[in-house]
Each structure stands twice: as structure tokens, then as C-alpha cells.
Amino acid sequence: MQTPDEIIHQPVRLKIMAALNTLEARQWLEFVALRAIVQATDGNLGAHLTTLEAAGYVLVEKDFVGKKPRTRVCLSRSGREAFGRYVITLQAILEPGSLEPDPQQN
């Protein structure tokens, strides 16, 4: 049986991925909106985004609106694919009989 992606499986990162997955491809969400959705502190959210960005699952863009800094995040193509695999893996685990031992392995 396949195991869930450990990068996504962490609760805050799962919330981030799920929130971003609801958006259209290449649609950006501002950091402050994402922070409110996942109910994390700035530092906590930033650390999780760094992990997801290093895995190639999210893209982070920093710019300025006037003189005010802005951080936006979107799901990358590989992040959307990884999230899809993650959901399929969870569905397989939750299927009736999926946790029964394989008689051929005994």
C-alpha cells in the first residue's frame, strides 16, 4: 500500500495545499488571506511555505504594491499533481477492506 506524501501530510501544509488547490491554475492567493484560512502565525506559515516551495509544490512571489510589500502564493503544476496523488492515496486507505492483510505476503 502506498503511504501519503509526508510533505503534504503535515496538518498546516495539508490546509495550505487544499486551499490553493481550490484556485484555478496559476491563480495567486495573498499571504494574509492564506494565513487567515489556515489560521497560522506569519512565522509558522512562512516556514511551511518554504518547505512546500523547496519541494516544488508552491510558487512564492514577493513584490510591492506602492511601497507596501506583498507576498503571494500559488500551487505549481507538480504541487497540483502531488495533491491529486495524495487524495487518491487517502481514498485508497479509506476503502473498505484496504487495510486487510495481503494473504500472498504470508
PDB file of N, CA and C in Angstrom:
ATOM      1  N   MET A   1       0.840  -1.183   0.000  1.00  0.00           N
ATOM      2  CA  MET A   1       0.000   0.000   0.000  1.00  0.00           C
ATOM      3  C   MET A   1       0.885   1.246   0.000  1.00  0.00           C
ATOM      4  N   GLN A   2       0.489   2.191  -0.780  1.00  0.00           N
ATOM      5  CA  GLN A   2       1.224   3.452  -0.871  1.00  0.00           C
ATOM      6  C   GLN A   2       0.954   4.291   0.379  1.00  0.00           C
ATOM      7  N   THR A   3       1.959   5.021   0.847  1.00  0.00           N
ATOM      8  CA  THR A   3       1.777   5.891   2.005  1.00  0.00           C
ATOM      9  C   THR A   3       1.595   7.332   1.540  1.00  0.00           C
ATOM     10  N   PRO A   4       0.873   8.138   2.325  1.00  0.00           N
ATOM     11  CA  PRO A   4       0.658   9.545   1.950  1.00  0.00           C
ATOM     12  C   PRO A   4       1.978  10.320   1.897  1.00  0.00           C
ATOM     13  N   ASP A   5       2.039  11.290   1.017  1.00  0.00           N
ATOM     14  CA  ASP A   5       3.193  12.170   0.866  1.00  0.00           C
ATOM     15  C   ASP A   5       3.435  12.886   2.197  1.00  0.00           C
ATOM     16  N   GLU A   6       4.577  12.642   2.817  1.00  0.00           N
ATOM     17  CA  GLU A   6       4.874  13.210   4.141  1.00  0.00           C
ATOM     18  C   GLU A   6       4.983  14.734   4.120  1.00  0.00           C
ATOM     19  N   ILE A   7       5.357  15.296   2.996  1.00  0.00           N
ATOM     20  CA  ILE A   7       5.446  16.760   2.911  1.00  0.00           C
ATOM     21  C   ILE A   7       4.057  17.369   3.023  1.00  0.00           C
ATOM     22  N   ILE A   8       3.096  16.793   2.340  1.00  0.00           N
ATOM     23  CA  ILE A   8       1.727  17.311   2.361  1.00  0.00           C
ATOM     24  C   ILE A   8       1.001  16.895   3.639  1.00  0.00           C
ATOM     25  N   HIS A   9       1.318  15.745   4.179  1.00  0.00           N
ATOM     26  CA  HIS A   9       0.552  15.136   5.269  1.00  0.00           C
ATOM     27  C   HIS A   9       0.550  15.959   6.562  1.00  0.00           C
ATOM     28  N   GLN A  10       1.523  16.824   6.766  1.00  0.00           N
ATOM     29  CA  GLN A  10       1.557  17.661   7.965  1.00  0.00           C
ATOM     30  C   GLN A  10       0.307  18.560   7.940  1.00  0.00           C
ATOM     31  N   PRO A  11      -0.426  18.694   9.063  1.00  0.00           N
ATOM     32  CA  PRO A  11      -1.729  19.382   9.046  1.00  0.00           C
ATOM     33  C   PRO A  11      -1.751  20.796   8.445  1.00  0.00           C
ATOM     34  N   VAL A  12      -0.805  21.647   8.776  1.00  0.00           N
ATOM     35  CA  VAL A  12      -0.823  23.011   8.227  1.00  0.00           C
ATOM     36  C   VAL A  12      -0.528  22.979   6.734  1.00  0.00           C
ATOM     37  N   ARG A  13       0.428  22.154   6.321  1.00  0.00           N
ATOM     38  CA  ARG A  13       0.738  22.066   4.890  1.00  0.00           C
ATOM     39  C   ARG A  13      -0.432  21.468   4.112  1.00  0.00           C
ATOM     40  N   LEU A  14      -1.154  20.531   4.706  1.00  0.00           N
ATOM     41  CA  LEU A  14      -2.343  19.974   4.062  1.00  0.00           C
ATOM     42  C   LEU A  14      -3.394  21.066   3.860  1.00  0.00           C
ATOM     43  N   LYS A  15      -3.586  21.916   4.854  1.00  0.00           N
ATOM     44  CA  LYS A  15      -4.535  23.028   4.719  1.00  0.00           C
ATOM     45  C   LYS A  15      -4.096  23.993   3.617  1.00  0.00           C
ATOM     46  N   ILE A  16      -2.803  24.274   3.562  1.00  0.00           N
ATOM     47  CA  ILE A  16      -2.271  25.171   2.526  1.00  0.00           C
ATOM     48  C   ILE A  16      -2.539  24.582   1.148  1.00  0.00           C
ATOM     49  N   MET A  17      -2.181  23.321   0.974  1.00  0.00           N
ATOM     50  CA  MET A  17      -2.356  22.670  -0.326  1.00  0.00           C
ATOM     51  C   MET A  17      -3.828  22.601  -0.718  1.00  0.00           C
ATOM     52  N   ALA A  18      -4.686  22.278   0.231  1.00  0.00           N
ATOM     53  CA  ALA A  18      -6.121  22.185  -0.060  1.00  0.00           C
ATOM     54  C   ALA A  18      -6.680  23.552  -0.450  1.00  0.00           C
ATOM     55  N   ALA A  19      -6.270  24.589   0.265  1.00  0.00           N
ATOM     56  CA  ALA A  19      -6.749  25.943  -0.049  1.00  0.00           C
ATOM     57  C   ALA A  19      -6.297  26.369  -1.444  1.00  0.00           C
ATOM     58  N   LEU A  20      -5.032  26.143  -1.760  1.00  0.00           N
ATOM     59  CA  LEU A  20      -4.507  26.542  -3.064  1.00  0.00           C
ATOM     60  C   LEU A  20      -5.081  25.691  -4.193  1.00  0.00           C
ATOM     61  N   ASN A  21      -5.416  24.446  -3.897  1.00  0.00           N
ATOM     62  CA  ASN A  21      -5.974  23.556  -4.913  1.00  0.00           C
ATOM     63  C   ASN A  21      -7.369  23.998  -5.355  1.00  0.00           C
ATOM     64  N   THR A  22      -8.062  24.785  -4.542  1.00  0.00           N
ATOM     65  CA  THR A  22      -9.397  25.262  -4.925  1.00  0.00           C
ATOM     66  C   THR A  22      -9.321  26.359  -5.984  1.00  0.00           C
ATOM     67  N   LEU A  23      -8.146  26.953  -6.157  1.00  0.00           N
ATOM     68  CA  LEU A  23      -7.969  28.031  -7.133  1.00  0.00           C
ATOM     69  C   LEU A  23      -7.688  27.468  -8.517  1.00  0.00           C
ATOM     70  N   GLU A  24      -7.944  28.275  -9.513  1.00  0.00           N
ATOM     71  CA  GLU A  24      -7.586  27.907 -10.886  1.00  0.00           C
ATOM     72  C   GLU A  24      -6.059  27.837 -11.002  1.00  0.00           C
ATOM     73  N   ALA A  25      -5.582  27.114 -11.997  1.00  0.00           N
ATOM     74  CA  ALA A  25      -4.144  27.029 -12.232  1.00  0.00           C
ATOM     75  C   ALA A  25      -3.568  28.433 -12.425  1.00  0.00           C
ATOM     76  N   ARG A  26      -2.416  28.656 -11.817  1.00  0.00           N
ATOM     77  CA  ARG A  26      -1.682  29.930 -11.883  1.00  0.00           C
ATOM     78  C   ARG A  26      -2.435  31.102 -11.257  1.00  0.00           C
ATOM     79  N   GLN A  27      -3.433  30.830 -10.430  1.00  0.00           N
ATOM     80  CA  GLN A  27      -4.109  31.895  -9.687  1.00  0.00           C
ATOM     81  C   GLN A  27      -3.401  32.045  -8.339  1.00  0.00           C
ATOM     82  N   TRP A  28      -3.106  33.277  -7.979  1.00  0.00           N
ATOM     83  CA  TRP A  28      -2.336  33.574  -6.780  1.00  0.00           C
ATOM     84  C   TRP A  28      -3.246  33.939  -5.616  1.00  0.00           C
ATOM     85  N   LEU A  29      -2.798  33.581  -4.401  1.00  0.00           N
ATOM     86  CA  LEU A  29      -3.506  33.935  -3.182  1.00  0.00           C
ATOM     87  C   LEU A  29      -2.537  34.719  -2.307  1.00  0.00           C
ATOM     88  N   GLU A  30      -3.002  35.841  -1.781  1.00  0.00           N
ATOM     89  CA  GLU A  30      -2.122  36.649  -0.946  1.00  0.00           C
ATOM     90  C   GLU A  30      -1.856  35.958   0.385  1.00  0.00           C
ATOM     91  N   PHE A  31      -0.651  36.160   0.889  1.00  0.00           N
ATOM     92  CA  PHE A  31      -0.189  35.560   2.131  1.00  0.00           C
ATOM     93  C   PHE A  31      -1.165  35.819   3.272  1.00  0.00           C
ATOM     94  N   VAL A  32      -1.649  37.051   3.402  1.00  0.00           N
ATOM     95  CA  VAL A  32      -2.536  37.382   4.524  1.00  0.00           C
ATOM     96  C   VAL A  32      -3.854  36.612   4.425  1.00  0.00           C
ATOM     97  N   ALA A  33      -4.364  36.399   3.232  1.00  0.00           N
ATOM     98  CA  ALA A  33      -5.597  35.615   3.061  1.00  0.00           C
ATOM     99  C   ALA A  33      -5.341  34.145   3.399  1.00  0.00           C
ATOM    100  N   LEU A  34      -4.214  33.616   2.934  1.00  0.00           N
ATOM    101  CA  LEU A  34      -3.860  32.230   3.232  1.00  0.00           C
ATOM    102  C   LEU A  34      -3.653  32.038   4.732  1.00  0.00           C
ATOM    103  N   ARG A  35      -3.010  32.998   5.362  1.00  0.00           N
ATOM    104  CA  ARG A  35      -2.791  32.942   6.815  1.00  0.00           C
ATOM    105  C   ARG A  35      -4.128  32.834   7.558  1.00  0.00           C
ATOM    106  N   ALA A  36      -5.115  33.593   7.126  1.00  0.00           N
ATOM    107  CA  ALA A  36      -6.436  33.552   7.757  1.00  0.00           C
ATOM    108  C   ALA A  36      -7.113  32.196   7.529  1.00  0.00           C
ATOM    109  N   ILE A  37      -6.952  31.645   6.344  1.00  0.00           N
ATOM    110  CA  ILE A  37      -7.567  30.355   6.019  1.00  0.00           C
ATOM    111  C   ILE A  37      -6.983  29.236   6.874  1.00  0.00           C
ATOM    112  N   VAL A  38      -5.661  29.187   6.974  1.00  0.00           N
ATOM    113  CA  VAL A  38      -5.020  28.075   7.689  1.00  0.00           C
ATOM    114  C   VAL A  38      -4.843  28.361   9.181  1.00  0.00           C
ATOM    115  N   GLN A  39      -5.142  29.587   9.588  1.00  0.00           N
ATOM    116  CA  GLN A  39      -5.065  30.008  10.989  1.00  0.00           C
ATOM    117  C   GLN A  39      -3.683  29.719  11.589  1.00  0.00           C
ATOM    118  N   ALA A  40      -2.685  30.280  10.936  1.00  0.00           N
ATOM    119  CA  ALA A  40      -1.295  30.132  11.378  1.00  0.00           C
ATOM    120  C   ALA A  40      -0.692  31.506  11.618  1.00  0.00           C
ATOM    121  N   THR A  41       0.398  31.534  12.353  1.00  0.00           N
ATOM    122  CA  THR A  41       1.127  32.782  12.537  1.00  0.00           C
ATOM    123  C   THR A  41       1.937  33.056  11.273  1.00  0.00           C
ATOM    124  N   ASP A  42       2.420  34.276  11.140  1.00  0.00           N
ATOM    125  CA  ASP A  42       3.260  34.619   9.986  1.00  0.00           C
ATOM    126  C   ASP A  42       4.460  33.687   9.884  1.00  0.00           C
ATOM    127  N   GLY A  43       5.162  33.504  10.996  1.00  0.00           N
ATOM    128  CA  GLY A  43       6.372  32.683  11.003  1.00  0.00           C
ATOM    129  C   GLY A  43       6.089  31.230  10.687  1.00  0.00           C
ATOM    130  N   ASN A  44       5.022  30.693  11.262  1.00  0.00           N
ATOM    131  CA  ASN A  44       4.657  29.301  11.031  1.00  0.00           C
ATOM    132  C   ASN A  44       4.275  29.081   9.576  1.00  0.00           C
ATOM    133  N   LEU A  45       3.438  29.968   9.042  1.00  0.00           N
ATOM    134  CA  LEU A  45       3.034  29.854   7.640  1.00  0.00           C
ATOM    135  C   LEU A  45       4.246  29.993   6.725  1.00  0.00           C
ATOM    136  N   GLY A  46       5.116  30.945   7.025  1.00  0.00           N
ATOM    137  CA  GLY A  46       6.311  31.143   6.212  1.00  0.00           C
ATOM    138  C   GLY A  46       7.197  29.916   6.183  1.00  0.00           C
ATOM    139  N   ALA A  47       7.367  29.270   7.333  1.00  0.00           N
ATOM    140  CA  ALA A  47       8.197  28.061   7.398  1.00  0.00           C
ATOM    141  C   ALA A  47       7.591  26.929   6.570  1.00  0.00           C
ATOM    142  N   HIS A  48       6.282  26.759   6.656  1.00  0.00           N
ATOM    143  CA  HIS A  48       5.631  25.699   5.882  1.00  0.00           C
ATOM    144  C   HIS A  48       5.679  26.001   4.382  1.00  0.00           C
ATOM    145  N   LEU A  49       5.522  27.261   4.013  1.00  0.00           N
ATOM    146  CA  LEU A  49       5.627  27.628   2.600  1.00  0.00           C
ATOM    147  C   LEU A  49       7.033  27.371   2.073  1.00  0.00           C
ATOM    148  N   THR A  50       8.045  27.604   2.898  1.00  0.00           N
ATOM    149  CA  THR A  50       9.429  27.327   2.499  1.00  0.00           C
ATOM    150  C   THR A  50       9.611  25.848   2.202  1.00  0.00           C
ATOM    151  N   THR A  51       9.041  24.987   3.045  1.00  0.00           N
ATOM    152  CA  THR A  51       9.118  23.540   2.828  1.00  0.00           C
ATOM    153  C   THR A  51       8.416  23.152   1.536  1.00  0.00           C
ATOM    154  N   LEU A  52       7.218  23.686   1.320  1.00  0.00           N
ATOM    155  CA  LEU A  52       6.458  23.366   0.106  1.00  0.00           C
ATOM    156  C   LEU A  52       7.145  23.918  -1.147  1.00  0.00           C
ATOM    157  N   GLU A  53       7.747  25.089  -1.022  1.00  0.00           N
ATOM    158  CA  GLU A  53       8.464  25.682  -2.156  1.00  0.00           C
ATOM    159  C   GLU A  53       9.708  24.853  -2.490  1.00  0.00           C
ATOM    160  N   ALA A  54      10.427  24.393  -1.475  1.00  0.00           N
ATOM    161  CA  ALA A  54      11.624  23.573  -1.699  1.00  0.00           C
ATOM    162  C   ALA A  54      11.266  22.254  -2.386  1.00  0.00           C
ATOM    163  N   ALA A  55      10.067  21.740  -2.106  1.00  0.00           N
ATOM    164  CA  ALA A  55       9.606  20.502  -2.738  1.00  0.00           C
ATOM    165  C   ALA A  55       9.082  20.759  -4.154  1.00  0.00           C
ATOM    166  N   GLY A  56       8.944  22.028  -4.520  1.00  0.00           N
ATOM    167  CA  GLY A  56       8.427  22.371  -5.841  1.00  0.00           C
ATOM    168  C   GLY A  56       6.914  22.363  -5.921  1.00  0.00           C
ATOM    169  N   TYR A  57       6.240  22.350  -4.781  1.00  0.00           N
ATOM    170  CA  TYR A  57       4.783  22.264  -4.749  1.00  0.00           C
ATOM    171  C   TYR A  57       4.093  23.620  -4.845  1.00  0.00           C
ATOM    172  N   VAL A  58       4.755  24.677  -4.405  1.00  0.00           N
ATOM    173  CA  VAL A  58       4.161  26.014  -4.486  1.00  0.00           C
ATOM    174  C   VAL A  58       5.165  26.987  -5.085  1.00  0.00           C
ATOM    175  N   LEU A  59       4.629  28.070  -5.621  1.00  0.00           N
ATOM    176  CA  LEU A  59       5.441  29.184  -6.100  1.00  0.00           C
ATOM    177  C   LEU A  59       5.140  30.362  -5.191  1.00  0.00           C
ATOM    178  N   VAL A  60       6.172  31.074  -4.784  1.00  0.00           N
ATOM    179  CA  VAL A  60       6.017  32.236  -3.913  1.00  0.00           C
ATOM    180  C   VAL A  60       6.555  33.447  -4.664  1.00  0.00           C
ATOM    181  N   GLU A  61       5.759  34.490  -4.724  1.00  0.00           N
ATOM    182  CA  GLU A  61       6.141  35.727  -5.412  1.00  0.00           C
ATOM    183  C   GLU A  61       6.077  36.883  -4.423  1.00  0.00           C
ATOM    184  N   LYS A  62       7.143  37.647  -4.348  1.00  0.00           N
ATOM    185  CA  LYS A  62       7.190  38.820  -3.472  1.00  0.00           C
ATOM    186  C   LYS A  62       7.367  40.050  -4.340  1.00  0.00           C
ATOM    187  N   ASP A  63       6.517  41.047  -4.096  1.00  0.00           N
ATOM    188  CA  ASP A  63       6.628  42.297  -4.830  1.00  0.00           C
ATOM    189  C   ASP A  63       6.109  43.429  -3.948  1.00  0.00           C
ATOM    190  N   PHE A  64       5.906  44.570  -4.539  1.00  0.00           N
ATOM    191  CA  PHE A  64       5.408  45.730  -3.804  1.00  0.00           C
ATOM    192  C   PHE A  64       4.165  46.263  -4.496  1.00  0.00           C
ATOM    193  N   VAL A  65       3.226  46.703  -3.689  1.00  0.00           N
ATOM    194  CA  VAL A  65       2.058  47.432  -4.178  1.00  0.00           C
ATOM    195  C   VAL A  65       2.238  48.829  -3.594  1.00  0.00           C
ATOM    196  N   GLY A  66       2.649  49.738  -4.455  1.00  0.00           N
ATOM    197  CA  GLY A  66       3.082  51.040  -3.954  1.00  0.00           C
ATOM    198  C   GLY A  66       4.369  50.825  -3.174  1.00  0.00           C
ATOM    199  N   LYS A  67       4.360  51.202  -1.909  1.00  0.00           N
ATOM    200  CA  LYS A  67       5.529  50.981  -1.055  1.00  0.00           C
ATOM    201  C   LYS A  67       5.318  49.836  -0.070  1.00  0.00           C
ATOM    202  N   LYS A  68       4.194  49.159  -0.209  1.00  0.00           N
ATOM    203  CA  LYS A  68       3.850  48.090   0.727  1.00  0.00           C
ATOM    204  C   LYS A  68       4.246  46.726   0.147  1.00  0.00           C
ATOM    205  N   PRO A  69       5.011  45.918   0.913  1.00  0.00           N
ATOM    206  CA  PRO A  69       5.393  44.598   0.411  1.00  0.00           C
ATOM    207  C   PRO A  69       4.188  43.663   0.342  1.00  0.00           C
ATOM    208  N   ARG A  70       4.223  42.777  -0.655  1.00  0.00           N
ATOM    209  CA  ARG A  70       3.140  41.806  -0.837  1.00  0.00           C
ATOM    210  C   ARG A  70       3.763  40.458  -1.178  1.00  0.00           C
ATOM    211  N   THR A  71       3.249  39.413  -0.527  1.00  0.00           N
ATOM    212  CA  THR A  71       3.664  38.044  -0.823  1.00  0.00           C
ATOM    213  C   THR A  71       2.441  37.290  -1.311  1.00  0.00           C
ATOM    214  N   ARG A  72       2.616  36.617  -2.436  1.00  0.00           N
ATOM    215  CA  ARG A  72       1.525  35.816  -2.994  1.00  0.00           C
ATOM    216  C   ARG A  72       2.025  34.398  -3.242  1.00  0.00           C
ATOM    217  N   VAL A  73       1.089  33.459  -3.208  1.00  0.00           N
ATOM    218  CA  VAL A  73       1.425  32.040  -3.340  1.00  0.00           C
ATOM    219  C   VAL A  73       0.465  31.389  -4.331  1.00  0.00           C
ATOM    220  N   CYS A  74       0.976  30.451  -5.107  1.00  0.00           N
ATOM    221  CA  CYS A  74       0.093  29.630  -5.950  1.00  0.00           C
ATOM    222  C   CYS A  74       0.644  28.214  -5.997  1.00  0.00           C
ATOM    223  N   LEU A  75      -0.224  27.295  -6.347  1.00  0.00           N
ATOM    224  CA  LEU A  75       0.144  25.897  -6.473  1.00  0.00           C
ATOM    225  C   LEU A  75       0.850  25.695  -7.811  1.00  0.00           C
ATOM    226  N   SER A  76       1.975  25.023  -7.798  1.00  0.00           N
ATOM    227  CA  SER A  76       2.671  24.711  -9.051  1.00  0.00           C
ATOM    228  C   SER A  76       1.985  23.517  -9.716  1.00  0.00           C
ATOM    229  N   ARG A  77       2.344  23.256 -10.942  1.00  0.00           N
ATOM    230  CA  ARG A  77       1.783  22.093 -11.639  1.00  0.00           C
ATOM    231  C   ARG A  77       2.122  20.807 -10.879  1.00  0.00           C
ATOM    232  N   SER A  78       3.387  20.678 -10.457  1.00  0.00           N
ATOM    233  CA  SER A  78       3.774  19.458  -9.732  1.00  0.00           C
ATOM    234  C   SER A  78       3.084  19.403  -8.365  1.00  0.00           C
ATOM    235  N   GLY A  79       2.816  20.563  -7.763  1.00  0.00           N
ATOM    236  CA  GLY A  79       2.082  20.593  -6.498  1.00  0.00           C
ATOM    237  C   GLY A  79       0.651  20.129  -6.668  1.00  0.00           C
ATOM    238  N   ARG A  80       0.017  20.557  -7.756  1.00  0.00           N
ATOM    239  CA  ARG A  80      -1.362  20.128  -8.038  1.00  0.00           C
ATOM    240  C   ARG A  80      -1.400  18.613  -8.293  1.00  0.00           C
ATOM    241  N   GLU A  81      -0.412  18.113  -9.022  1.00  0.00           N
ATOM    242  CA  GLU A  81      -0.338  16.670  -9.273  1.00  0.00           C
ATOM    243  C   GLU A  81      -0.081  15.897  -7.982  1.00  0.00           C
ATOM    244  N   ALA A  82       0.828  16.394  -7.143  1.00  0.00           N
ATOM    245  CA  ALA A  82       1.135  15.737  -5.871  1.00  0.00           C
ATOM    246  C   ALA A  82      -0.087  15.719  -4.962  1.00  0.00           C
ATOM    247  N   PHE A  83      -0.838  16.823  -4.940  1.00  0.00           N
ATOM    248  CA  PHE A  83      -2.041  16.868  -4.116  1.00  0.00           C
ATOM    249  C   PHE A  83      -3.079  15.867  -4.631  1.00  0.00           C
ATOM    250  N   GLY A  84      -3.212  15.741  -5.942  1.00  0.00           N
ATOM    251  CA  GLY A  84      -4.123  14.753  -6.519  1.00  0.00           C
ATOM    252  C   GLY A  84      -3.741  13.337  -6.116  1.00  0.00           C
ATOM    253  N   ARG A  85      -2.436  13.025  -6.179  1.00  0.00           N
ATOM    254  CA  ARG A  85      -1.966  11.694  -5.752  1.00  0.00           C
ATOM    255  C   ARG A  85      -2.229  11.480  -4.265  1.00  0.00           C
ATOM    256  N   TYR A  86      -2.024  12.528  -3.479  1.00  0.00           N
ATOM    257  CA  TYR A  86      -2.250  12.448  -2.034  1.00  0.00           C
ATOM    258  C   TYR A  86      -3.710  12.078  -1.749  1.00  0.00           C
ATOM    259  N   VAL A  87      -4.644  12.755  -2.411  1.00  0.00           N
ATOM    260  CA  VAL A  87      -6.068  12.491  -2.215  1.00  0.00           C
ATOM    261  C   VAL A  87      -6.407  11.058  -2.629  1.00  0.00           C
ATOM    262  N   ILE A  88      -5.874  10.606  -3.754  1.00  0.00           N
ATOM    263  CA  ILE A  88      -6.120   9.235  -4.220  1.00  0.00           C
ATOM    264  C   ILE A  88      -5.584   8.225  -3.215  1.00  0.00           C
ATOM    265  N   THR A  89      -4.405   8.497  -2.661  1.00  0.00           N
ATOM    266  CA  THR A  89      -3.823   7.604  -1.657  1.00  0.00           C
ATOM    267  C   THR A  89      -4.712   7.521  -0.429  1.00  0.00           C
ATOM    268  N   LEU A  90      -5.208   8.658   0.047  1.00  0.00           N
ATOM    269  CA  LEU A  90      -6.101   8.644   1.207  1.00  0.00           C
ATOM    270  C   LEU A  90      -7.392   7.898   0.898  1.00  0.00           C
ATOM    271  N   GLN A  91      -7.936   8.101  -0.284  1.00  0.00           N
ATOM    272  CA  GLN A  91      -9.160   7.387  -0.664  1.00  0.00           C
ATOM    273  C   GLN A  91      -8.929   5.881  -0.674  1.00  0.00           C
ATOM    274  N   ALA A  92      -7.766   5.450  -1.165  1.00  0.00           N
ATOM    275  CA  ALA A  92      -7.448   4.022  -1.193  1.00  0.00           C
ATOM    276  C   ALA A  92      -7.333   3.459   0.224  1.00  0.00           C
ATOM    277  N   ILE A  93      -6.752   4.240   1.121  1.00  0.00           N
ATOM    278  CA  ILE A  93      -6.624   3.800   2.514  1.00  0.00           C
ATOM    279  C   ILE A  93      -7.999   3.664   3.162  1.00  0.00           C
ATOM    280  N   LEU A  94      -8.907   4.564   2.811  1.00  0.00           N
ATOM    281  CA  LEU A  94     -10.232   4.582   3.428  1.00  0.00           C
ATOM    282  C   LEU A  94     -11.212   3.592   2.812  1.00  0.00           C
ATOM    283  N   GLU A  95     -10.868   2.988   1.684  1.00  0.00           N
ATOM    284  CA  GLU A  95     -11.744   1.999   1.053  1.00  0.00           C
ATOM    285  C   GLU A  95     -11.922   0.808   1.967  1.00  0.00           C
ATOM    286  N   PRO A  96     -13.174   0.291   2.044  1.00  0.00           N
ATOM    287  CA  PRO A  96     -13.408  -0.904   2.857  1.00  0.00           C
ATOM    288  C   PRO A  96     -12.511  -2.054   2.410  1.00  0.00           C
ATOM    289  N   GLY A  97     -11.894  -2.705   3.363  1.00  0.00           N
ATOM    290  CA  GLY A  97     -11.033  -3.846   3.062  1.00  0.00           C
ATOM    291  C   GLY A  97      -9.622  -3.484   2.677  1.00  0.00           C
ATOM    292  N   SER A  98      -9.313  -2.202   2.546  1.00  0.00           N
ATOM    293  CA  SER A  98      -7.973  -1.818   2.090  1.00  0.00           C
ATOM    294  C   SER A  98      -6.897  -2.089   3.129  1.00  0.00           C
ATOM    295  N   LEU A  99      -7.274  -2.213   4.375  1.00  0.00           N
ATOM    296  CA  LEU A  99      -6.288  -2.433   5.428  1.00  0.00           C
ATOM    297  C   LEU A  99      -6.174  -3.897   5.829  1.00  0.00           C
ATOM    298  N   GLU A 100      -6.878  -4.766   5.118  1.00  0.00           N
ATOM    299  CA  GLU A 100      -6.769  -6.192   5.405  1.00  0.00           C
ATOM    300  C   GLU A 100      -5.424  -6.694   4.895  1.00  0.00           C
ATOM    301  N   PRO A 101      -4.812  -7.645   5.620  1.00  0.00           N
ATOM    302  CA  PRO A 101      -3.515  -8.160   5.180  1.00  0.00           C
ATOM    303  C   PRO A 101      -3.624  -8.890   3.847  1.00  0.00           C
ATOM    304  N   ASP A 102      -2.558  -8.797   3.074  1.00  0.00           N
ATOM    305  CA  ASP A 102      -2.485  -9.487   1.786  1.00  0.00           C
ATOM    306  C   ASP A 102      -2.137 -10.946   2.054  1.00  0.00           C
ATOM    307  N   PRO A 103      -3.024 -11.904   1.708  1.00  0.00           N
ATOM    308  CA  PRO A 103      -2.762 -13.320   2.021  1.00  0.00           C
ATOM    309  C   PRO A 103      -1.537 -13.864   1.285  1.00  0.00           C
ATOM    310  N   GLN A 104      -1.132 -13.253   0.188  1.00  0.00           N
ATOM    311  CA  GLN A 104       0.024 -13.734  -0.566  1.00  0.00           C
ATOM    312  C   GLN A 104       1.338 -13.339   0.093  1.00  0.00           C
ATOM    313  N   GLN A 105       1.293 -12.417   1.052  1.00  0.00           N
ATOM    314  CA  GLN A 105       2.520 -11.987   1.726  1.00  0.00           C
ATOM    315  C   GLN A 105       2.819 -12.834   2.957  1.00  0.00           C
ATOM    316  N   ASN A 106       1.963 -13.759   3.308  1.00  0.00           N
ATOM    317  CA  ASN A 106       2.184 -14.634   4.477  1.00  0.00           C
ATOM    318  C   ASN A 106       2.784 -15.942   4.081  1.00  0.00           C
TER     319      ASN A 106
END
